[in-house]
Amino acid sequence: MIKKTLRALVRDDRGATALEYGLLVALIALAALTSMSALAKSKEFGFEGALQKISAAIDAII
């Protein structure tokens, strides 16, 4: 009886697509967060870098 239940459980693939989509969304979200974090830490792309470039441009005009 246990073998029969386990075989039925292994053969049952309902919900597999939803699980795959969930894993795909989680992977994309992780990649997005990782890249945003890396860009935020970079002085060239971070807010501090942008502020410095804007300040330098204003100082050059004045």
PDB file of N, CA and C in Angstrom:
ATOM      1  N   MET A   1       0.819  -1.186   0.000  1.00  0.00           N
ATOM      2  CA  MET A   1       0.000   0.000   0.000  1.00  0.00           C
ATOM      3  C   MET A   1       0.873   1.263   0.000  1.00  0.00           C
ATOM      4  N   ILE A   2       1.949   1.246   0.757  1.00  0.00           N
ATOM      5  CA  ILE A   2       2.829   2.409   0.804  1.00  0.00           C
ATOM      6  C   ILE A   2       3.525   2.585  -0.548  1.00  0.00           C
ATOM      7  N   LYS A   3       3.953   1.470  -1.160  1.00  0.00           N
ATOM      8  CA  LYS A   3       4.600   1.550  -2.466  1.00  0.00           C
ATOM      9  C   LYS A   3       3.653   2.137  -3.506  1.00  0.00           C
ATOM     10  N   LYS A   4       2.412   1.722  -3.450  1.00  0.00           N
ATOM     11  CA  LYS A   4       1.413   2.214  -4.404  1.00  0.00           C
ATOM     12  C   LYS A   4       1.203   3.722  -4.228  1.00  0.00           C
ATOM     13  N   THR A   5       1.147   4.171  -3.000  1.00  0.00           N
ATOM     14  CA  THR A   5       0.965   5.600  -2.720  1.00  0.00           C
ATOM     15  C   THR A   5       2.179   6.400  -3.176  1.00  0.00           C
ATOM     16  N   LEU A   6       3.376   5.871  -2.910  1.00  0.00           N
ATOM     17  CA  LEU A   6       4.593   6.563  -3.335  1.00  0.00           C
ATOM     18  C   LEU A   6       4.702   6.637  -4.855  1.00  0.00           C
ATOM     19  N   ARG A   7       4.360   5.552  -5.545  1.00  0.00           N
ATOM     20  CA  ARG A   7       4.383   5.564  -7.006  1.00  0.00           C
ATOM     21  C   ARG A   7       3.406   6.589  -7.562  1.00  0.00           C
ATOM     22  N   ALA A   8       2.220   6.641  -6.972  1.00  0.00           N
ATOM     23  CA  ALA A   8       1.226   7.618  -7.423  1.00  0.00           C
ATOM     24  C   ALA A   8       1.714   9.038  -7.176  1.00  0.00           C
ATOM     25  N   LEU A   9       2.380   9.241  -6.064  1.00  0.00           N
ATOM     26  CA  LEU A   9       2.904  10.565  -5.738  1.00  0.00           C
ATOM     27  C   LEU A   9       4.010  10.976  -6.710  1.00  0.00           C
ATOM     28  N   VAL A  10       4.873  10.039  -7.079  1.00  0.00           N
ATOM     29  CA  VAL A  10       5.963  10.328  -8.010  1.00  0.00           C
ATOM     30  C   VAL A  10       5.417  10.614  -9.410  1.00  0.00           C
ATOM     31  N   ARG A  11       4.392   9.897  -9.822  1.00  0.00           N
ATOM     32  CA  ARG A  11       3.818  10.075 -11.157  1.00  0.00           C
ATOM     33  C   ARG A  11       2.956  11.328 -11.268  1.00  0.00           C
ATOM     34  N   ASP A  12       2.462  11.830 -10.171  1.00  0.00           N
ATOM     35  CA  ASP A  12       1.576  12.994 -10.186  1.00  0.00           C
ATOM     36  C   ASP A  12       2.399  14.246 -10.456  1.00  0.00           C
ATOM     37  N   ASP A  13       2.137  14.896 -11.588  1.00  0.00           N
ATOM     38  CA  ASP A  13       2.900  16.096 -11.924  1.00  0.00           C
ATOM     39  C   ASP A  13       2.036  17.355 -11.908  1.00  0.00           C
ATOM     40  N   ARG A  14       0.900  17.297 -11.271  1.00  0.00           N
ATOM     41  CA  ARG A  14       0.066  18.496 -11.161  1.00  0.00           C
ATOM     42  C   ARG A  14       0.780  19.513 -10.283  1.00  0.00           C
ATOM     43  N   GLY A  15       0.760  20.733 -10.701  1.00  0.00           N
ATOM     44  CA  GLY A  15       1.416  21.786  -9.941  1.00  0.00           C
ATOM     45  C   GLY A  15       2.886  21.959 -10.281  1.00  0.00           C
ATOM     46  N   ALA A  16       3.415  21.078 -11.114  1.00  0.00           N
ATOM     47  CA  ALA A  16       4.834  21.181 -11.473  1.00  0.00           C
ATOM     48  C   ALA A  16       5.099  22.459 -12.264  1.00  0.00           C
ATOM     49  N   THR A  17       4.176  22.824 -13.139  1.00  0.00           N
ATOM     50  CA  THR A  17       4.360  24.035 -13.935  1.00  0.00           C
ATOM     51  C   THR A  17       4.361  25.270 -13.048  1.00  0.00           C
ATOM     52  N   ALA A  18       3.454  25.315 -12.090  1.00  0.00           N
ATOM     53  CA  ALA A  18       3.404  26.455 -11.172  1.00  0.00           C
ATOM     54  C   ALA A  18       4.693  26.541 -10.365  1.00  0.00           C
ATOM     55  N   LEU A  19       5.204  25.418  -9.950  1.00  0.00           N
ATOM     56  CA  LEU A  19       6.466  25.395  -9.208  1.00  0.00           C
ATOM     57  C   LEU A  19       7.615  25.894 -10.081  1.00  0.00           C
ATOM     58  N   GLU A  20       7.641  25.464 -11.334  1.00  0.00           N
ATOM     59  CA  GLU A  20       8.693  25.907 -12.243  1.00  0.00           C
ATOM     60  C   GLU A  20       8.614  27.414 -12.477  1.00  0.00           C
ATOM     61  N   TYR A  21       7.414  27.929 -12.668  1.00  0.00           N
ATOM     62  CA  TYR A  21       7.259  29.374 -12.846  1.00  0.00           C
ATOM     63  C   TYR A  21       7.677  30.121 -11.580  1.00  0.00           C
ATOM     64  N   GLY A  22       7.350  29.588 -10.438  1.00  0.00           N
ATOM     65  CA  GLY A  22       7.751  30.209  -9.181  1.00  0.00           C
ATOM     66  C   GLY A  22       9.261  30.259  -9.033  1.00  0.00           C
ATOM     67  N   LEU A  23       9.924  29.173  -9.375  1.00  0.00           N
ATOM     68  CA  LEU A  23      11.388  29.146  -9.317  1.00  0.00           C
ATOM     69  C   LEU A  23      12.002  30.116 -10.325  1.00  0.00           C
ATOM     70  N   LEU A  24      11.397  30.208 -11.503  1.00  0.00           N
ATOM     71  CA  LEU A  24      11.891  31.129 -12.520  1.00  0.00           C
ATOM     72  C   LEU A  24      11.756  32.579 -12.064  1.00  0.00           C
ATOM     73  N   VAL A  25      10.619  32.922 -11.481  1.00  0.00           N
ATOM     74  CA  VAL A  25      10.404  34.281 -10.974  1.00  0.00           C
ATOM     75  C   VAL A  25      11.384  34.586  -9.844  1.00  0.00           C
ATOM     76  N   ALA A  26      11.601  33.627  -8.962  1.00  0.00           N
ATOM     77  CA  ALA A  26      12.546  33.831  -7.859  1.00  0.00           C
ATOM     78  C   ALA A  26      13.962  34.040  -8.388  1.00  0.00           C
ATOM     79  N   LEU A  27      14.349  33.303  -9.406  1.00  0.00           N
ATOM     80  CA  LEU A  27      15.683  33.446  -9.993  1.00  0.00           C
ATOM     81  C   LEU A  27      15.846  34.811 -10.660  1.00  0.00           C
ATOM     82  N   ILE A  28      14.821  35.258 -11.378  1.00  0.00           N
ATOM     83  CA  ILE A  28      14.877  36.573 -12.021  1.00  0.00           C
ATOM     84  C   ILE A  28      14.945  37.675 -10.971  1.00  0.00           C
ATOM     85  N   ALA A  29      14.160  37.549  -9.909  1.00  0.00           N
ATOM     86  CA  ALA A  29      14.177  38.553  -8.840  1.00  0.00           C
ATOM     87  C   ALA A  29      15.547  38.595  -8.165  1.00  0.00           C
ATOM     88  N   LEU A  30      16.140  37.445  -7.938  1.00  0.00           N
ATOM     89  CA  LEU A  30      17.469  37.392  -7.330  1.00  0.00           C
ATOM     90  C   LEU A  30      18.513  38.054  -8.231  1.00  0.00           C
ATOM     91  N   ALA A  31      18.430  37.786  -9.526  1.00  0.00           N
ATOM     92  CA  ALA A  31      19.370  38.409 -10.461  1.00  0.00           C
ATOM     93  C   ALA A  31      19.186  39.921 -10.496  1.00  0.00           C
ATOM     94  N   ALA A  32      17.939  40.382 -10.469  1.00  0.00           N
ATOM     95  CA  ALA A  32      17.674  41.823 -10.485  1.00  0.00           C
ATOM     96  C   ALA A  32      18.202  42.489  -9.218  1.00  0.00           C
ATOM     97  N   LEU A  33      17.955  41.881  -8.079  1.00  0.00           N
ATOM     98  CA  LEU A  33      18.436  42.457  -6.824  1.00  0.00           C
ATOM     99  C   LEU A  33      19.959  42.481  -6.761  1.00  0.00           C
ATOM    100  N   THR A  34      20.576  41.433  -7.240  1.00  0.00           N
ATOM    101  CA  THR A  34      22.036  41.370  -7.233  1.00  0.00           C
ATOM    102  C   THR A  34      22.632  42.451  -8.131  1.00  0.00           C
ATOM    103  N   SER A  35      22.068  42.610  -9.321  1.00  0.00           N
ATOM    104  CA  SER A  35      22.612  43.626 -10.227  1.00  0.00           C
ATOM    105  C   SER A  35      22.347  45.031  -9.713  1.00  0.00           C
ATOM    106  N   MET A  36      21.174  45.272  -9.124  1.00  0.00           N
ATOM    107  CA  MET A  36      20.888  46.595  -8.564  1.00  0.00           C
ATOM    108  C   MET A  36      21.821  46.907  -7.398  1.00  0.00           C
ATOM    109  N   SER A  37      22.095  45.914  -6.591  1.00  0.00           N
ATOM    110  CA  SER A  37      22.995  46.107  -5.461  1.00  0.00           C
ATOM    111  C   SER A  37      24.407  46.428  -5.949  1.00  0.00           C
ATOM    112  N   ALA A  38      24.848  45.726  -6.968  1.00  0.00           N
ATOM    113  CA  ALA A  38      26.184  45.978  -7.509  1.00  0.00           C
ATOM    114  C   ALA A  38      26.269  47.371  -8.119  1.00  0.00           C
ATOM    115  N   LEU A  39      25.229  47.792  -8.815  1.00  0.00           N
ATOM    116  CA  LEU A  39      25.237  49.127  -9.414  1.00  0.00           C
ATOM    117  C   LEU A  39      25.167  50.217  -8.354  1.00  0.00           C
ATOM    118  N   ALA A  40      24.424  49.975  -7.298  1.00  0.00           N
ATOM    119  CA  ALA A  40      24.296  50.980  -6.240  1.00  0.00           C
ATOM    120  C   ALA A  40      25.621  51.175  -5.508  1.00  0.00           C
ATOM    121  N   LYS A  41      26.408  50.117  -5.396  1.00  0.00           N
ATOM    122  CA  LYS A  41      27.691  50.213  -4.704  1.00  0.00           C
ATOM    123  C   LYS A  41      28.753  50.875  -5.572  1.00  0.00           C
ATOM    124  N   SER A  42      28.542  50.868  -6.859  1.00  0.00           N
ATOM    125  CA  SER A  42      29.500  51.479  -7.771  1.00  0.00           C
ATOM    126  C   SER A  42      29.395  52.994  -7.679  1.00  0.00           C
ATOM    127  N   LYS A  43      30.531  53.651  -7.541  1.00  0.00           N
ATOM    128  CA  LYS A  43      30.512  55.115  -7.418  1.00  0.00           C
ATOM    129  C   LYS A  43      30.042  55.771  -8.712  1.00  0.00           C
ATOM    130  N   GLU A  44      30.320  55.138  -9.823  1.00  0.00           N
ATOM    131  CA  GLU A  44      29.948  55.735 -11.102  1.00  0.00           C
ATOM    132  C   GLU A  44      28.436  55.758 -11.290  1.00  0.00           C
ATOM    133  N   PHE A  45      27.740  54.727 -10.827  1.00  0.00           N
ATOM    134  CA  PHE A  45      26.308  54.636 -11.030  1.00  0.00           C
ATOM    135  C   PHE A  45      25.496  54.986  -9.788  1.00  0.00           C
ATOM    136  N   GLY A  46      26.152  55.100  -8.656  1.00  0.00           N
ATOM    137  CA  GLY A  46      25.437  55.377  -7.414  1.00  0.00           C
ATOM    138  C   GLY A  46      24.999  56.823  -7.322  1.00  0.00           C
ATOM    139  N   PHE A  47      24.205  57.118  -6.324  1.00  0.00           N
ATOM    140  CA  PHE A  47      23.703  58.472  -6.134  1.00  0.00           C
ATOM    141  C   PHE A  47      24.837  59.448  -5.834  1.00  0.00           C
ATOM    142  N   GLU A  48      25.829  58.982  -5.088  1.00  0.00           N
ATOM    143  CA  GLU A  48      26.954  59.861  -4.758  1.00  0.00           C
ATOM    144  C   GLU A  48      27.711  60.261  -6.018  1.00  0.00           C
ATOM    145  N   GLY A  49      27.929  59.317  -6.893  1.00  0.00           N
ATOM    146  CA  GLY A  49      28.624  59.616  -8.142  1.00  0.00           C
ATOM    147  C   GLY A  49      27.838  60.591  -9.002  1.00  0.00           C
ATOM    148  N   ALA A  50      26.528  60.400  -9.065  1.00  0.00           N
ATOM    149  CA  ALA A  50      25.684  61.310  -9.838  1.00  0.00           C
ATOM    150  C   ALA A  50      25.706  62.703  -9.230  1.00  0.00           C
ATOM    151  N   LEU A  51      25.649  62.776  -7.913  1.00  0.00           N
ATOM    152  CA  LEU A  51      25.679  64.074  -7.232  1.00  0.00           C
ATOM    153  C   LEU A  51      26.997  64.792  -7.496  1.00  0.00           C
ATOM    154  N   GLN A  52      28.092  64.056  -7.469  1.00  0.00           N
ATOM    155  CA  GLN A  52      29.403  64.662  -7.732  1.00  0.00           C
ATOM    156  C   GLN A  52      29.497  65.177  -9.167  1.00  0.00           C
ATOM    157  N   LYS A  53      28.957  64.417 -10.116  1.00  0.00           N
ATOM    158  CA  LYS A  53      28.994  64.852 -11.512  1.00  0.00           C
ATOM    159  C   LYS A  53      28.128  66.089 -11.731  1.00  0.00           C
ATOM    160  N   ILE A  54      26.965  66.120 -11.101  1.00  0.00           N
ATOM    161  CA  ILE A  54      26.085  67.288 -11.220  1.00  0.00           C
ATOM    162  C   ILE A  54      26.744  68.509 -10.587  1.00  0.00           C
ATOM    163  N   SER A  55      27.338  68.324  -9.415  1.00  0.00           N
ATOM    164  CA  SER A  55      28.024  69.436  -8.744  1.00  0.00           C
ATOM    165  C   SER A  55      29.185  69.955  -9.582  1.00  0.00           C
ATOM    166  N   ALA A  56      29.937  69.057 -10.184  1.00  0.00           N
ATOM    167  CA  ALA A  56      31.061  69.464 -11.026  1.00  0.00           C
ATOM    168  C   ALA A  56      30.573  70.226 -12.252  1.00  0.00           C
ATOM    169  N   ALA A  57      29.466  69.786 -12.838  1.00  0.00           N
ATOM    170  CA  ALA A  57      28.918  70.478 -14.006  1.00  0.00           C
ATOM    171  C   ALA A  57      28.431  71.872 -13.636  1.00  0.00           C
ATOM    172  N   ILE A  58      27.783  72.004 -12.485  1.00  0.00           N
ATOM    173  CA  ILE A  58      27.301  73.317 -12.028  1.00  0.00           C
ATOM    174  C   ILE A  58      28.478  74.233 -11.731  1.00  0.00           C
ATOM    175  N   ASP A  59      29.515  73.690 -11.086  1.00  0.00           N
ATOM    176  CA  ASP A  59      30.705  74.493 -10.782  1.00  0.00           C
ATOM    177  C   ASP A  59      31.404  74.956 -12.065  1.00  0.00           C
ATOM    178  N   ALA A  60      31.392  74.119 -13.096  1.00  0.00           N
ATOM    179  CA  ALA A  60      32.028  74.483 -14.359  1.00  0.00           C
ATOM    180  C   ALA A  60      31.272  75.616 -15.049  1.00  0.00           C
ATOM    181  N   ILE A  61      29.956  75.644 -14.876  1.00  0.00           N
ATOM    182  CA  ILE A  61      29.144  76.697 -15.492  1.00  0.00           C
ATOM    183  C   ILE A  61      29.340  78.018 -14.766  1.00  0.00           C
ATOM    184  N   ILE A  62      29.450  77.949 -13.467  1.00  0.00           N
ATOM    185  CA  ILE A  62      29.557  79.171 -12.652  1.00  0.00           C
ATOM    186  C   ILE A  62      30.927  79.686 -12.666  1.00  0.00           C
TER     187      ILE A  62
END
